Amino acid sequence: MAMNPAEIESMIKAAIPDAQVNIEDLRGDGDHYAAYVISAAFKGKTRVQQHQMVYQALRGRMGNELHALALQTSSPPEA
């Protein structure tokens, strides 16, 4: 069973409340997505740590309902 983009976005925002999330369906099949996530919570963390935070937010759905996720994370630019 595939996940819809709104569900992915909701799960990420629930775990990372200030996150700006943009989800793109790469193939139109509901299985292959790109996620762009910006959050102040990522500041000072390595890219691997940032990605781990997002994967934790998806609570084990990666590799099951969600087959592939191309992930790009960053902290917001300094003002």
C-alpha atoms as a PDB file:
ATOM      1  CA  MET A   1       0.000   0.000   0.000  1.00  0.00           C
ATOM      2  CA  ALA A   2       1.482   3.330  -1.077  1.00  0.00           C
ATOM      3  CA  MET A   3       1.599   6.496   1.019  1.00  0.00           C
ATOM      4  CA  ASN A   4       0.201   9.791  -0.176  1.00  0.00           C
ATOM      5  CA  PRO A   5       2.258  13.009  -0.065  1.00  0.00           C
ATOM      6  CA  ALA A   6       0.026  14.654   2.551  1.00  0.00           C
ATOM      7  CA  GLU A   7       0.584  11.747   4.945  1.00  0.00           C
ATOM      8  CA  ILE A   8       4.363  11.950   4.516  1.00  0.00           C
ATOM      9  CA  GLU A   9       4.312  15.709   5.093  1.00  0.00           C
ATOM     10  CA  SER A  10       2.071  15.339   8.152  1.00  0.00           C
ATOM     11  CA  MET A  11       4.351  12.738   9.760  1.00  0.00           C
ATOM     12  CA  ILE A  12       7.449  14.886   9.220  1.00  0.00           C
ATOM     13  CA  LYS A  13       5.740  18.010  10.606  1.00  0.00           C
ATOM     14  CA  ALA A  14       4.473  16.091  13.631  1.00  0.00           C
ATOM     15  CA  ALA A  15       8.044  15.129  14.552  1.00  0.00           C
ATOM     16  CA  ILE A  16       9.726  18.357  13.389  1.00  0.00           C
ATOM     17  CA  PRO A  17       7.089  21.070  14.025  1.00  0.00           C
ATOM     18  CA  ASP A  18       8.908  23.999  12.388  1.00  0.00           C
ATOM     19  CA  ALA A  19       9.712  22.025   9.232  1.00  0.00           C
ATOM     20  CA  GLN A  20       8.966  23.428   5.814  1.00  0.00           C
ATOM     21  CA  VAL A  21       8.182  20.339   3.755  1.00  0.00           C
ATOM     22  CA  ASN A  22       7.730  19.912   0.026  1.00  0.00           C
ATOM     23  CA  ILE A  23       6.924  16.437  -1.312  1.00  0.00           C
ATOM     24  CA  GLU A  24       7.182  15.548  -5.003  1.00  0.00           C
ATOM     25  CA  ASP A  25       5.862  12.286  -6.511  1.00  0.00           C
ATOM     26  CA  LEU A  26       8.708  11.334  -8.853  1.00  0.00           C
ATOM     27  CA  ARG A  27       6.940   8.653 -10.893  1.00  0.00           C
ATOM     28  CA  GLY A  28       3.256   9.183 -10.239  1.00  0.00           C
ATOM     29  CA  ASP A  29       3.066   5.751  -8.620  1.00  0.00           C
ATOM     30  CA  GLY A  30       2.792   6.774  -4.954  1.00  0.00           C
ATOM     31  CA  ASP A  31       5.958   4.813  -4.156  1.00  0.00           C
ATOM     32  CA  HIS A  32       8.810   7.086  -5.269  1.00  0.00           C
ATOM     33  CA  TYR A  33       8.995  10.535  -3.707  1.00  0.00           C
ATOM     34  CA  ALA A  34      11.417  13.395  -3.262  1.00  0.00           C
ATOM     35  CA  ALA A  35      11.190  15.301   0.020  1.00  0.00           C
ATOM     36  CA  TYR A  36      12.686  18.721   0.625  1.00  0.00           C
ATOM     37  CA  VAL A  37      12.776  19.565   4.324  1.00  0.00           C
ATOM     38  CA  ILE A  38      14.015  22.793   5.915  1.00  0.00           C
ATOM     39  CA  SER A  39      14.136  23.115   9.703  1.00  0.00           C
ATOM     40  CA  ALA A  40      16.027  25.066  12.344  1.00  0.00           C
ATOM     41  CA  ALA A  41      16.277  21.729  14.194  1.00  0.00           C
ATOM     42  CA  PHE A  42      18.865  20.675  11.609  1.00  0.00           C
ATOM     43  CA  LYS A  43      21.274  23.476  12.529  1.00  0.00           C
ATOM     44  CA  GLY A  44      24.639  22.091  13.654  1.00  0.00           C
ATOM     45  CA  LYS A  45      23.752  18.553  12.600  1.00  0.00           C
ATOM     46  CA  THR A  46      25.444  16.575   9.855  1.00  0.00           C
ATOM     47  CA  ARG A  47      23.479  15.668   6.736  1.00  0.00           C
ATOM     48  CA  VAL A  48      23.302  12.068   7.991  1.00  0.00           C
ATOM     49  CA  GLN A  49      21.850  13.216  11.330  1.00  0.00           C
ATOM     50  CA  GLN A  50      19.313  15.402   9.513  1.00  0.00           C
ATOM     51  CA  HIS A  51      18.211  12.484   7.338  1.00  0.00           C
ATOM     52  CA  GLN A  52      17.976  10.223  10.401  1.00  0.00           C
ATOM     53  CA  MET A  53      15.591  12.726  11.994  1.00  0.00           C
ATOM     54  CA  VAL A  54      13.314  12.573   8.944  1.00  0.00           C
ATOM     55  CA  TYR A  55      13.461   8.770   8.746  1.00  0.00           C
ATOM     56  CA  GLN A  56      12.578   8.549  12.450  1.00  0.00           C
ATOM     57  CA  ALA A  57       9.587  10.804  11.765  1.00  0.00           C
ATOM     58  CA  LEU A  58       8.348   8.260   9.213  1.00  0.00           C
ATOM     59  CA  ARG A  59       8.177   5.623  11.994  1.00  0.00           C
ATOM     60  CA  GLY A  60       9.311   2.555  10.094  1.00  0.00           C
ATOM     61  CA  ARG A  61       7.341   3.229   6.923  1.00  0.00           C
ATOM     62  CA  MET A  62      10.533   3.566   4.812  1.00  0.00           C
ATOM     63  CA  GLY A  63      11.009   0.374   2.855  1.00  0.00           C
ATOM     64  CA  ASN A  64       7.433  -0.730   3.531  1.00  0.00           C
ATOM     65  CA  GLU A  65       4.611   1.586   2.440  1.00  0.00           C
ATOM     66  CA  LEU A  66       7.190   4.098   1.249  1.00  0.00           C
ATOM     67  CA  HIS A  67       9.482   2.405  -1.227  1.00  0.00           C
ATOM     68  CA  ALA A  68      11.884   5.228  -2.170  1.00  0.00           C
ATOM     69  CA  LEU A  69      12.502   8.726  -0.811  1.00  0.00           C
ATOM     70  CA  ALA A  70      15.071  11.090  -2.313  1.00  0.00           C
ATOM     71  CA  LEU A  71      15.746  13.353   0.644  1.00  0.00           C
ATOM     72  CA  GLN A  72      17.207  16.854   0.735  1.00  0.00           C
ATOM     73  CA  THR A  73      17.487  18.591   4.094  1.00  0.00           C
ATOM     74  CA  SER A  74      18.846  21.926   5.272  1.00  0.00           C
ATOM     75  CA  SER A  75      18.516  24.521   7.989  1.00  0.00           C
ATOM     76  CA  PRO A  76      17.014  27.893   7.083  1.00  0.00           C
ATOM     77  CA  PRO A  77      19.420  30.575   5.853  1.00  0.00           C
ATOM     78  CA  GLU A  78      20.719  33.004   8.453  1.00  0.00           C
ATOM     79  CA  ALA A  79      18.943  36.358   8.400  1.00  0.00           C
END
